[in-house]
Protein backbone atom coordinates (compact mmCIF):
# COMPACT_ATOMS: atom_id res chain seq x y z
CA MET A 1 5.06 -17.09 -30.70
CA LEU A 2 3.46 -14.94 -27.93
CA ARG A 3 1.40 -17.58 -26.76
CA ARG A 4 4.38 -20.07 -26.47
CA ARG A 5 6.28 -17.52 -24.68
CA PHE A 6 3.47 -16.79 -22.27
CA LEU A 7 3.10 -20.65 -21.53
CA GLN A 8 6.72 -21.07 -20.97
CA HIS A 9 6.82 -18.18 -18.61
CA SER A 10 3.76 -19.41 -16.80
CA ALA A 11 5.32 -22.70 -16.15
CA LEU A 12 8.50 -21.24 -14.95
CA THR A 13 6.58 -19.01 -12.50
CA GLY A 14 4.64 -21.94 -11.19
CA SER A 15 7.70 -23.99 -10.42
CA ALA A 16 9.19 -20.94 -8.53
CA LEU A 17 6.22 -20.51 -6.49
CA PHE A 18 6.70 -23.92 -4.93
CA PHE A 19 9.44 -22.29 -2.46
CA THR A 20 7.00 -19.51 -1.47
CA ARG A 21 3.63 -21.02 -0.93
CA ARG A 22 2.45 -21.98 2.66
CA PHE A 23 1.75 -25.62 3.14
CA ALA A 24 -1.08 -26.39 5.50
CA ARG A 25 -1.93 -29.83 7.07
CA ARG A 26 -4.24 -30.82 9.77
CA SER A 27 -2.39 -31.97 12.73
CA THR A 28 -1.93 -31.48 16.52
CA ALA A 29 1.80 -31.48 16.30
CA GLY A 30 3.95 -28.43 15.99
CA ALA A 31 5.09 -26.55 12.87
CA GLN A 32 8.42 -25.97 11.10
CA ILE A 33 9.71 -23.03 9.09
CA ASP A 34 12.66 -23.58 6.54
CA ILE A 35 14.36 -20.33 5.36
CA LEU A 36 15.84 -21.15 2.02
CA LEU A 37 18.97 -18.83 1.78
CA ASP A 38 19.94 -20.04 -1.70
CA GLU A 39 16.96 -18.81 -3.52
CA PRO A 40 16.88 -15.10 -3.35
CA ILE A 41 13.76 -13.53 -4.86
CA GLY A 42 14.55 -9.94 -5.17
CA GLN A 43 15.20 -6.70 -3.12
CA ILE A 44 12.03 -5.42 -1.07
CA GLU A 45 11.85 -1.83 -2.26
CA PRO A 46 11.11 0.68 0.53
CA GLU A 47 8.20 1.84 -1.57
CA VAL A 48 6.35 -1.21 -0.86
CA TYR A 49 5.87 0.14 2.57
CA GLY A 50 3.82 3.14 1.26
CA HIS A 51 0.69 4.94 2.10
CA PHE A 52 -2.17 6.86 0.51
CA SER A 53 -3.60 10.23 1.19
CA GLU A 54 -6.77 11.29 -0.69
CA HIS A 55 -8.88 14.53 -0.19
CA ILE A 56 -11.85 12.41 1.06
CA GLY A 57 -13.36 12.81 4.48
CA GLY A 58 -10.97 13.58 7.29
CA VAL A 59 -7.70 12.30 5.56
CA ILE A 60 -6.39 15.83 4.80
CA TYR A 61 -8.47 18.35 6.75
CA ASP A 62 -8.73 17.27 10.25
CA GLY A 63 -6.04 14.55 9.50
CA LEU A 64 -2.64 15.51 8.36
CA TRP A 65 -3.36 19.34 7.76
CA VAL A 66 -4.55 21.56 10.49
CA GLY A 67 -3.33 24.84 9.19
CA LYS A 68 -0.49 27.24 10.22
CA ASP A 69 -2.67 29.27 12.52
CA SER A 70 -4.21 26.16 14.29
CA LYS A 71 -3.66 25.85 18.09
CA ILE A 72 -3.13 22.21 17.52
CA PRO A 73 0.63 21.34 17.60
CA ASN A 74 1.83 21.71 13.82
CA VAL A 75 4.88 22.21 11.80
CA ASN A 76 3.91 24.72 9.01
CA GLY A 77 0.36 23.55 9.23
CA PHE A 78 1.14 19.85 9.34
CA ARG A 79 -0.18 17.97 12.45
CA LYS A 80 2.95 17.36 14.47
CA ASP A 81 1.73 14.03 15.74
CA MET A 82 1.67 12.80 12.11
CA ILE A 83 5.04 13.94 11.39
CA ASP A 84 6.57 12.33 14.52
CA HIS A 85 4.86 8.96 13.99
CA MET A 86 5.55 8.80 10.20
CA ARG A 87 9.21 9.29 10.93
CA ARG A 88 9.06 6.32 13.09
CA LEU A 89 7.85 4.26 10.27
CA GLN A 90 10.45 5.27 7.62
CA PRO A 91 7.68 5.27 5.00
CA GLY A 92 8.78 4.38 1.41
CA SER A 93 6.15 6.53 -0.52
CA LEU A 94 2.97 8.53 -0.28
CA ARG A 95 0.32 8.76 -3.10
CA TRP A 96 -1.68 11.80 -3.61
CA PRO A 97 -4.24 13.52 -4.29
CA GLY A 98 -6.40 10.41 -4.97
CA GLY A 99 -8.18 8.23 -5.57
CA CYS A 100 -11.28 9.49 -7.25
CA PHE A 101 -10.61 13.08 -6.05
CA ALA A 102 -7.71 12.95 -8.54
CA ASP A 103 -10.11 12.39 -11.41
CA SER A 104 -11.58 15.81 -11.03
CA TYR A 105 -8.56 17.72 -9.49
CA ASN A 106 -7.04 20.77 -11.20
CA TRP A 107 -3.67 20.96 -9.74
CA LYS A 108 -3.25 24.63 -10.64
CA ASP A 109 -6.17 25.24 -8.03
CA GLY A 110 -3.64 24.30 -5.22
CA ILE A 111 -0.62 26.62 -5.79
CA GLY A 112 -0.02 30.29 -4.91
CA PRO A 113 -1.36 32.36 -1.99
CA MET A 114 -3.94 30.33 0.00
CA GLU A 115 -6.37 33.30 0.14
CA SER A 116 -6.70 33.51 -3.65
CA ARG A 117 -7.07 29.76 -4.38
CA PRO A 118 -10.47 28.74 -5.74
CA ARG A 119 -12.84 26.76 -3.86
CA ARG A 120 -14.32 23.64 -5.49
CA THR A 121 -16.96 21.03 -4.82
CA ASN A 122 -15.20 18.10 -3.45
CA PHE A 123 -15.69 14.86 -5.62
CA TRP A 124 -17.22 13.16 -2.70
CA ALA A 125 -19.78 15.72 -1.61
CA ASN A 126 -22.75 14.09 -3.10
CA THR A 127 -22.40 10.87 -1.13
CA PRO A 128 -25.37 9.98 1.34
CA PHE A 129 -22.79 10.10 4.22
CA MET A 130 -21.51 13.55 3.28
CA LYS A 131 -24.98 14.95 2.85
CA LYS A 132 -25.53 14.62 6.66
CA ALA A 133 -22.14 16.29 7.37
CA PRO A 134 -21.80 20.11 8.08
CA ASP A 135 -20.40 22.29 5.29
CA GLY A 136 -16.65 22.58 5.33
CA PRO A 137 -13.42 21.64 3.67
CA THR A 138 -14.54 17.95 3.24
CA LYS A 139 -17.41 18.94 1.14
CA PHE A 140 -16.20 22.26 -0.38
CA GLU A 141 -12.46 22.03 -1.22
CA PRO A 142 -10.54 25.16 -0.08
CA ASN A 143 -7.36 24.04 -1.78
CA HIS A 144 -5.40 25.04 1.26
CA PHE A 145 -3.35 21.76 0.80
CA GLY A 146 -1.98 21.61 -2.63
CA THR A 147 1.14 20.51 -4.67
CA ASP A 148 3.77 22.56 -2.66
CA GLU A 149 2.08 21.45 0.71
CA PHE A 150 2.04 17.89 -0.17
CA LEU A 151 5.74 17.86 -1.37
CA GLN A 152 6.78 19.62 1.61
CA PHE A 153 5.05 17.04 3.95
CA CYS A 154 6.86 14.30 2.01
CA GLU A 155 10.06 16.00 2.81
CA LEU A 156 9.24 16.46 6.47
CA ILE A 157 8.55 12.64 6.83
CA ASP A 158 11.47 11.70 4.39
CA THR A 159 9.25 9.71 1.77
CA LYS A 160 8.95 9.57 -1.97
CA PRO A 161 5.87 11.37 -3.41
CA TYR A 162 3.64 9.44 -6.00
CA LEU A 163 1.36 11.82 -7.89
CA ALA A 164 -1.80 10.67 -9.57
CA ALA A 165 -2.67 12.78 -12.71
CA ASN A 166 -6.17 13.68 -13.78
CA ALA A 167 -6.86 11.77 -16.95
CA ARG A 168 -10.65 12.35 -16.95
CA THR A 169 -11.28 16.08 -16.92
CA GLN A 170 -7.75 17.24 -17.84
CA GLY A 171 -5.56 16.49 -20.86
CA PRO A 172 -1.93 15.66 -21.63
CA GLN A 173 -0.84 19.30 -21.53
CA ASP A 174 -2.03 19.78 -18.10
CA PHE A 175 -0.13 16.74 -17.07
CA ILE A 176 3.06 18.19 -18.81
CA ASP A 177 2.67 21.52 -17.01
CA TRP A 178 2.48 19.72 -13.72
CA VAL A 179 5.54 17.96 -14.41
CA GLU A 180 7.34 21.15 -15.39
CA TYR A 181 6.07 22.90 -12.09
CA CYS A 182 7.48 20.02 -10.01
CA ASN A 183 10.67 19.22 -11.79
CA ALA A 184 11.94 22.06 -14.17
CA PRO A 185 15.00 23.86 -12.83
CA ALA A 186 14.71 27.57 -12.10
CA ASP A 187 14.86 29.95 -14.94
CA THR A 188 14.01 27.20 -17.55
CA THR A 189 10.30 27.22 -17.95
CA THR A 190 7.20 29.34 -17.11
CA TYR A 191 5.86 26.70 -14.71
CA GLY A 192 9.30 26.24 -13.04
CA ASP A 193 9.45 29.97 -12.70
CA LEU A 194 6.02 29.96 -11.20
CA ARG A 195 7.19 27.31 -8.59
CA VAL A 196 10.15 29.62 -7.67
CA ALA A 197 7.63 32.61 -7.41
CA ASN A 198 5.55 30.44 -4.93
CA GLY A 199 8.59 30.09 -2.76
CA ARG A 200 10.35 26.91 -3.92
CA LYS A 201 13.59 27.34 -5.92
CA GLU A 202 14.85 23.89 -5.98
CA ALA A 203 13.03 21.37 -8.17
CA TYR A 204 10.96 18.79 -6.20
CA ASN A 205 12.27 15.98 -8.77
CA VAL A 206 9.05 13.98 -8.54
CA ALA A 207 9.81 10.52 -10.11
CA CYS A 208 6.57 8.63 -9.90
CA TRP A 209 3.43 9.46 -11.85
CA GLY A 210 0.15 7.75 -12.07
CA VAL A 211 -1.39 8.29 -15.36
CA GLY A 212 -4.94 8.59 -14.36
CA ASN A 213 -6.78 6.57 -11.56
CA GLU A 214 -9.53 3.96 -11.79
CA SER A 215 -10.18 4.96 -15.36
CA TRP A 216 -12.80 2.01 -15.52
CA GLY A 217 -14.85 3.85 -12.98
CA CYS A 218 -14.61 7.15 -11.46
CA GLY A 219 -11.79 7.99 -13.75
CA GLY A 220 -13.91 8.12 -17.01
CA ASP A 221 -15.94 4.92 -17.15
CA MET A 222 -13.52 3.84 -19.80
CA ILE A 223 -13.03 0.31 -21.31
CA ALA A 224 -9.51 -0.98 -21.53
CA GLU A 225 -9.08 0.09 -25.22
CA ASP A 226 -10.28 3.66 -24.43
CA TYR A 227 -7.75 3.85 -21.55
CA ALA A 228 -4.96 2.52 -23.88
CA THR A 229 -5.48 5.49 -26.27
CA GLU A 230 -5.48 8.01 -23.26
CA PHE A 231 -2.26 6.43 -21.89
CA ARG A 232 -0.67 6.88 -25.33
CA ARG A 233 -1.74 10.41 -25.51
CA PHE A 234 -0.49 11.30 -21.89
CA THR A 235 2.89 9.50 -22.53
CA SER A 236 3.78 10.53 -25.93
CA PHE A 237 6.03 13.27 -24.51
CA VAL A 238 6.88 13.94 -20.89
CA PRO A 239 9.67 16.22 -20.14
CA ARG A 240 12.39 14.23 -18.06
CA PHE A 241 14.60 16.98 -16.67
CA ASP A 242 17.14 14.26 -16.01
CA VAL A 243 14.81 12.57 -13.45
CA ASP A 244 14.23 8.85 -13.73
CA LEU A 245 10.41 9.08 -14.27
CA LYS A 246 8.14 6.03 -13.48
CA LEU A 247 4.83 6.23 -15.46
CA VAL A 248 2.21 3.91 -13.96
CA ALA A 249 -0.72 2.75 -15.97
CA VAL A 250 -4.16 2.15 -14.46
CA GLY A 251 -4.88 -1.54 -13.89
CA PRO A 252 -8.32 -3.17 -13.21
CA SER A 253 -10.69 -3.21 -10.49
CA ASP A 254 -10.01 -6.21 -8.26
CA SER A 255 -11.60 -7.56 -5.10
CA TRP A 256 -11.67 -10.75 -3.13
CA ASN A 257 -14.54 -12.23 -5.33
CA ARG A 258 -13.85 -10.51 -8.70
CA ARG A 259 -10.53 -10.62 -10.59
CA ASP A 260 -10.74 -8.54 -13.73
CA THR A 261 -7.87 -10.17 -15.81
CA GLU A 262 -9.66 -9.13 -19.05
CA TRP A 263 -8.85 -5.49 -18.56
CA THR A 264 -5.26 -6.23 -18.21
CA ARG A 265 -5.13 -8.54 -21.30
CA ARG A 266 -7.16 -6.08 -23.46
CA PHE A 267 -5.15 -2.95 -22.33
CA PHE A 268 -1.72 -4.66 -23.17
CA THR A 269 -3.19 -6.02 -26.36
CA ALA A 270 -4.28 -2.53 -27.53
CA LEU A 271 -0.66 -1.17 -26.62
CA ALA A 272 0.75 -4.10 -28.60
CA GLU A 273 -1.33 -3.45 -31.66
CA ARG A 274 -0.30 0.22 -31.75
CA SER A 275 3.38 -0.55 -31.04
CA ALA A 276 3.60 -2.55 -34.63
CA VAL A 277 2.71 0.89 -36.13
CA TRP A 278 4.89 3.39 -34.37
CA SER A 279 7.14 2.22 -31.53
CA ASN A 280 7.24 -0.34 -28.67
CA LEU A 281 4.73 1.40 -26.30
CA MET A 282 5.52 -1.19 -23.75
CA ASN A 283 8.58 0.80 -22.93
CA ARG A 284 6.38 3.68 -21.76
CA VAL A 285 4.88 1.57 -19.05
CA ASP A 286 7.13 1.42 -16.06
CA GLY A 287 4.53 0.28 -13.61
CA TYR A 288 0.91 -1.22 -13.56
CA SER A 289 -1.39 -0.14 -10.87
CA LEU A 290 -3.59 -2.74 -9.08
CA HIS A 291 -6.28 -1.97 -6.55
CA PHE A 292 -7.50 -4.64 -4.06
CA TYR A 293 -9.91 -4.38 -1.19
CA CYS A 294 -10.81 -7.43 0.72
CA SER A 295 -14.07 -5.78 1.81
CA THR A 296 -15.55 -6.86 5.07
CA THR A 297 -17.19 -9.50 7.10
CA GLY A 298 -19.52 -9.14 10.09
CA ASN A 299 -21.72 -6.32 10.99
CA SER A 300 -18.94 -3.72 11.36
CA SER A 301 -15.22 -3.43 11.93
CA LEU A 302 -15.81 -4.14 15.68
CA ASP A 303 -18.78 -6.55 15.39
CA TYR A 304 -17.81 -9.90 13.81
CA THR A 305 -17.96 -13.67 14.68
CA ASP A 306 -15.02 -16.03 14.76
CA GLU A 307 -15.93 -17.47 11.47
CA ASP A 308 -16.16 -13.76 10.09
CA TYR A 309 -12.58 -13.31 11.36
CA TYR A 310 -11.33 -16.42 9.36
CA GLU A 311 -13.33 -15.39 6.28
CA HIS A 312 -11.86 -11.89 6.12
CA LEU A 313 -8.37 -13.18 6.51
CA TRP A 314 -8.96 -15.64 3.69
CA ARG A 315 -10.31 -12.78 1.52
CA ALA A 316 -7.36 -10.63 2.28
CA ASP A 317 -5.08 -13.69 1.20
CA GLN A 318 -6.41 -13.48 -2.18
CA MET A 319 -3.86 -10.83 -2.94
CA GLU A 320 -1.43 -13.67 -3.92
CA LYS A 321 -3.70 -14.69 -6.76
CA ILE A 322 -4.25 -11.12 -7.77
CA ILE A 323 -0.41 -10.55 -7.92
CA THR A 324 0.56 -13.81 -9.85
CA GLU A 325 -2.46 -13.67 -12.40
CA HIS A 326 -1.73 -10.23 -13.55
CA TRP A 327 2.00 -10.85 -13.60
CA ASN A 328 1.67 -13.79 -15.93
CA ILE A 329 -0.66 -11.88 -18.25
CA ILE A 330 1.76 -9.06 -18.52
CA GLY A 331 4.49 -11.44 -19.18
CA ALA A 332 2.93 -12.54 -22.50
CA PHE A 333 3.81 -8.96 -23.72
CA ASP A 334 6.73 -7.91 -21.60
CA PHE A 335 8.98 -11.01 -21.83
CA ASP A 336 11.72 -9.38 -19.68
CA HIS A 337 9.36 -8.27 -16.85
CA ASN A 338 10.50 -4.61 -16.93
CA ILE A 339 6.98 -3.47 -16.05
CA LYS A 340 6.48 -4.02 -12.18
CA LEU A 341 3.36 -3.98 -10.07
CA TYR A 342 2.14 -1.06 -8.07
CA ILE A 343 -0.57 -2.05 -5.49
CA ASP A 344 -1.47 1.54 -4.89
CA GLU A 345 -4.68 0.99 -3.05
CA TRP A 346 -5.32 -2.10 -0.77
CA GLY A 347 -6.95 -2.95 2.72
CA ALA A 348 -10.13 -3.70 4.43
CA TRP A 349 -13.27 -1.71 3.71
CA HIS A 350 -15.78 -1.94 6.51
CA ALA A 351 -19.36 -0.72 6.84
CA GLN A 352 -19.76 2.91 7.95
CA LYS A 353 -20.54 2.55 11.65
CA THR A 354 -17.38 3.13 13.59
CA GLU A 355 -16.06 6.52 12.34
CA VAL A 356 -14.89 9.03 14.90
CA HIS A 357 -16.47 11.96 13.37
CA ASN A 358 -19.34 12.72 10.97
CA THR A 359 -17.16 14.20 8.34
CA HIS A 360 -14.75 11.25 8.19
CA LEU A 361 -16.30 9.51 5.02
CA PHE A 362 -15.40 5.86 4.94
CA GLY A 363 -13.87 6.12 8.40
CA GLN A 364 -13.38 3.00 10.41
CA THR A 365 -11.97 1.81 13.79
CA SER A 366 -9.33 -0.94 13.15
CA THR A 367 -9.11 -3.96 15.44
CA MET A 368 -6.30 -6.61 15.76
CA ARG A 369 -8.06 -8.46 12.89
CA ASP A 370 -7.12 -5.48 10.60
CA ALA A 371 -3.57 -5.49 11.89
CA LEU A 372 -3.29 -9.21 10.90
CA ILE A 373 -4.69 -8.47 7.55
CA ALA A 374 -1.98 -5.68 7.19
CA ALA A 375 0.80 -8.11 8.19
CA LEU A 376 -0.20 -10.92 5.94
CA THR A 377 -0.54 -8.59 3.05
CA LEU A 378 2.73 -7.01 3.60
CA ASP A 379 4.28 -10.59 3.82
CA THR A 380 2.65 -11.35 0.48
CA PHE A 381 4.47 -8.29 -1.10
CA ASN A 382 7.72 -9.35 0.28
CA ARG A 383 7.35 -12.78 -1.00
CA HIS A 384 6.82 -11.38 -4.61
CA ALA A 385 9.62 -8.51 -4.15
CA ASP A 386 10.56 -9.51 -7.93
CA LYS A 387 7.08 -8.25 -9.00
CA VAL A 388 5.82 -5.70 -6.56
CA VAL A 389 7.82 -2.56 -6.27
CA MET A 390 5.18 -0.19 -4.49
CA GLY A 391 2.26 -0.57 -2.15
CA ASN A 392 0.04 2.10 -0.64
CA ILE A 393 -2.28 1.07 2.10
CA ALA A 394 -5.63 2.95 1.97
CA GLN A 395 -5.62 5.25 3.65
CA LEU A 396 -3.04 7.10 5.93
CA ILE A 397 -5.63 8.60 8.49
CA ASN A 398 -9.37 8.77 9.31
CA ASN A 399 -10.36 6.46 6.33
CA LEU A 400 -10.59 2.81 5.66
CA HIS A 401 -7.48 0.71 6.72
CA SER A 402 -5.83 3.72 8.29
CA LEU A 403 -2.88 3.92 10.61
CA PHE A 404 -4.11 6.96 12.72
CA LEU A 405 -7.31 8.58 13.86
CA ALA A 406 -7.47 12.22 14.60
CA HIS A 407 -10.04 14.97 15.24
CA GLU A 408 -9.26 18.51 16.24
CA ASP A 409 -6.57 18.19 18.96
CA ARG A 410 -7.02 14.31 19.65
CA PHE A 411 -4.80 11.85 17.93
CA VAL A 412 -4.32 8.08 18.33
CA VAL A 413 -2.53 5.24 16.46
CA THR A 414 -4.52 2.10 15.31
CA PRO A 415 -3.05 -1.39 15.52
CA ASN A 416 -2.07 -1.09 11.86
CA PHE A 417 0.61 1.50 12.81
CA TYR A 418 2.29 -1.12 15.03
CA VAL A 419 2.49 -3.57 12.14
CA PHE A 420 4.17 -1.16 9.81
CA GLU A 421 6.55 -0.20 12.54
CA MET A 422 7.43 -3.94 13.06
CA TYR A 423 7.91 -4.63 9.47
CA LYS A 424 10.10 -1.61 8.48
CA GLU A 425 13.20 -3.78 8.92
CA HIS A 426 12.36 -5.63 5.70
CA GLN A 427 12.86 -2.46 3.66
CA GLY A 428 15.79 -2.70 1.30
CA GLY A 429 16.48 -6.32 2.22
CA MET A 430 16.75 -9.27 -0.01
CA SER A 431 13.64 -11.36 0.02
CA ILE A 432 14.43 -14.94 0.50
CA PRO A 433 11.77 -18.03 0.44
CA ILE A 434 10.35 -19.74 3.30
CA LYS A 435 8.66 -23.00 3.40
CA ILE A 436 6.12 -23.38 6.23
CA ASP A 437 4.62 -26.67 7.40
CA ALA A 438 1.93 -25.94 9.94
CA PRO A 439 -1.55 -27.33 10.91
CA SER A 440 -4.43 -25.32 9.34
CA THR A 441 -7.00 -23.45 11.32
CA GLY A 442 -9.80 -26.15 10.79
CA SER A 443 -12.26 -23.30 10.22
CA GLU A 444 -14.90 -23.32 7.48
CA ARG A 445 -12.36 -21.77 5.00
CA ASP A 446 -9.60 -24.04 6.51
CA LEU A 447 -7.07 -21.30 6.55
CA TRP A 448 -3.35 -22.07 6.42
CA GLY A 449 -1.71 -22.29 9.93
CA LEU A 450 1.04 -19.80 9.68
CA ALA A 451 2.13 -17.36 6.88
CA GLY A 452 5.07 -15.04 6.67
CA SER A 453 8.11 -13.86 4.71
CA ALA A 454 11.78 -13.26 5.41
CA SER A 455 14.54 -10.93 4.20
CA GLN A 456 18.35 -10.83 4.43
CA LYS A 457 20.79 -8.08 5.10
CA GLY A 458 24.30 -9.29 5.48
CA LYS A 459 24.46 -11.75 8.45
CA GLU A 460 20.93 -10.78 9.77
CA ILE A 461 17.69 -12.51 8.76
CA PHE A 462 14.32 -10.93 9.38
CA LEU A 463 11.46 -13.26 9.75
CA THR A 464 7.74 -12.10 10.07
CA VAL A 465 4.90 -14.38 10.70
CA VAL A 466 1.25 -14.39 11.16
CA ASN A 467 -0.63 -16.98 13.33
CA PRO A 468 -4.30 -16.71 12.47
CA HIS A 469 -5.48 -19.44 14.97
CA LEU A 470 -7.86 -17.62 17.58
CA SER A 471 -6.93 -20.10 20.45
CA GLU A 472 -4.00 -22.20 19.51
CA ARG A 473 -0.30 -21.46 20.02
CA MET A 474 2.00 -22.84 17.38
CA ASP A 475 5.18 -24.26 18.63
CA THR A 476 7.57 -23.93 15.68
CA VAL A 477 11.11 -24.93 14.78
CA VAL A 478 12.86 -22.23 12.58
CA ARG A 479 15.83 -23.60 10.45
CA LEU A 480 18.13 -22.04 7.72
CA SER A 481 19.37 -23.97 4.78
CA GLY A 482 23.15 -23.91 4.69
CA ALA A 483 23.62 -21.70 7.81
CA ARG A 484 23.14 -21.77 11.69
CA ILE A 485 21.36 -19.26 13.89
CA LYS A 486 23.61 -17.65 16.45
CA SER A 487 21.15 -15.60 18.34
CA ALA A 488 17.46 -14.26 17.98
CA GLU A 489 15.15 -11.56 19.45
CA ALA A 490 11.44 -11.59 19.00
CA THR A 491 8.80 -8.76 18.66
CA ILE A 492 5.52 -10.01 19.43
CA PHE A 493 2.19 -8.32 18.75
CA THR A 494 -0.86 -9.89 20.15
CA GLN A 495 -3.86 -9.07 22.49
CA ASP A 496 -6.07 -11.00 24.77
CA ASN A 497 -9.06 -10.15 22.59
CA VAL A 498 -8.62 -10.16 18.75
CA ARG A 499 -11.46 -7.36 18.73
CA ALA A 500 -9.15 -4.90 20.73
CA TYR A 501 -8.99 -1.54 19.24
CA ASN A 502 -7.96 1.98 19.94
CA ASN A 503 -10.02 5.16 19.10
CA LEU A 504 -10.12 8.71 20.41
CA ASP A 505 -12.38 7.77 23.33
CA HIS A 506 -10.54 4.49 23.86
CA PRO A 507 -6.89 5.35 23.22
CA ASN A 508 -5.17 2.58 25.08
CA GLY A 509 -7.17 -0.61 24.14
CA VAL A 510 -4.19 -1.99 22.16
CA ALA A 511 -0.83 -2.53 23.98
CA PRO A 512 2.13 -2.06 21.83
CA PRO A 513 4.29 -5.13 20.60
CA GLU A 514 6.84 -6.46 23.12
CA MET A 515 10.34 -7.44 22.57
CA THR A 516 11.94 -10.66 24.05
CA GLN A 517 14.90 -12.75 23.59
CA THR A 518 14.37 -16.37 22.31
CA SER A 519 16.60 -19.38 22.84
CA VAL A 520 18.71 -20.99 20.07
CA THR A 521 19.98 -24.54 20.24
CA GLY A 522 22.30 -26.25 17.81
CA GLY A 523 21.68 -23.54 15.26
CA GLU A 524 17.98 -23.90 15.25
CA LEU A 525 15.33 -21.91 16.94
CA THR A 526 12.07 -23.03 18.57
CA HIS A 527 9.45 -20.23 19.00
CA SER A 528 5.92 -20.63 20.22
CA TYR A 529 3.59 -18.36 18.08
CA ALA A 530 0.79 -16.86 20.14
CA PRO A 531 -2.72 -16.98 18.92
CA ALA A 532 -3.87 -14.18 16.47
CA SER A 533 -0.62 -12.84 16.55
CA VAL A 534 2.01 -10.95 14.36
CA THR A 535 5.67 -11.94 15.20
CA ALA A 536 9.02 -10.57 13.95
CA LEU A 537 12.06 -12.63 14.57
CA LYS A 538 15.54 -10.95 14.01
CA LEU A 539 18.02 -13.78 13.53
CA GLN A 540 21.91 -13.27 13.66
CA LEU A 541 23.77 -15.88 11.71
CA GLU A 542 26.91 -17.68 12.98
């Protein structure tokens, strides 16, 4: 019966995907985009536009936290530039404290007076890169940034916190204690009272909790069945305090060349087998975490050939398969699809050659290539709004696919920041399918010609599109099914050189996106998509 239901679900999913896939054809003609208003997919949750902040390299110390006594402009110790720019993005969520750092983190180390907090060896201290770095908070954790600081930062930037519990060196009781510290009303529990004693009377009401992190690797080197046992132990009882908790299970290690579907199948099989003995354990899984890094191509983030560029975009585009494959497997156990996907680590991972300081482990300088990867990934999430309810780009600052670079009193945005600022209009909109007919790139990977997503809020359609062609413009007709376009404005993000970047010594290498009006004739729009560009069209309906 399970197999039959799974096959039926797979067939339905495949037919639905017809409306969201990009259709590529070789041609010298223009392109066409049809927006299918009659086939809504689902609401795009703001949390899809989320971020990740781990105690690694320069993310926390030298990144978002500079200390209350710092001469660097700050708000209660948080870098003011960070707060100002994050508010511009209207971020949906922020994940903390890791990552692998979470797998050895004792949350009790990071509360109370800072001068009495214990110092610990950072999880990443033994990496070859960090051995060459000077001693300091990136190697020896001072715990000056802990639970209260993180949750205060979330309030300052108006985002939802997502905490990752330690399921490797701590147990279920430590997890329950942490939930009580964050969510118990004053005068109800010892840990709720401890929070009050530390200066916070009102409960934080943290809803989203990851039950471990990468348990197949740095989170304990477990097999799927081992983790299923730990997940059962951690979730057998969790105090709710009238908060709608979302418990997120650890998914597999995925990358552009390795999709570990067996972890997913075996984890849910183990839960299903135990469910027959006690209760339906599927009801405890609110979310399922997927990590996907599209690695790198070329010699560094700044040094790559044209074919490296196309190859990297193709790798990033494998996110579509990651989502659909795991979704279909989960559907064999969760017929009503109550379990949603949390893509809580994603992005490019380049070789360590372009970091702005020697303490910034996995730091890299992003170019327009990375901006296009960010855009096409967000478009993928939008097209699967019925499946994906959270996404967290890795990471926020000074690490991997970051939006910001900073060191001491210097701060700069990367091209990725502009993409998130452009795409924030999708948040809370209803995702609607688009059908694209466009000439492919003709590169070795023969990448699609255009890719994008659309959302609707009332009489407004927001359409975002990536043109990967390095040299060709794409003249495109945009049409709506069952409606006519009244007016339109475009925001265009492109540079003369796809290798353009910003860093601390080169802060103005990338010009911000430009807004312009675009013409509408007969209820249709014709737009010319620039080479290697990200474009947002805001369409008003008649």
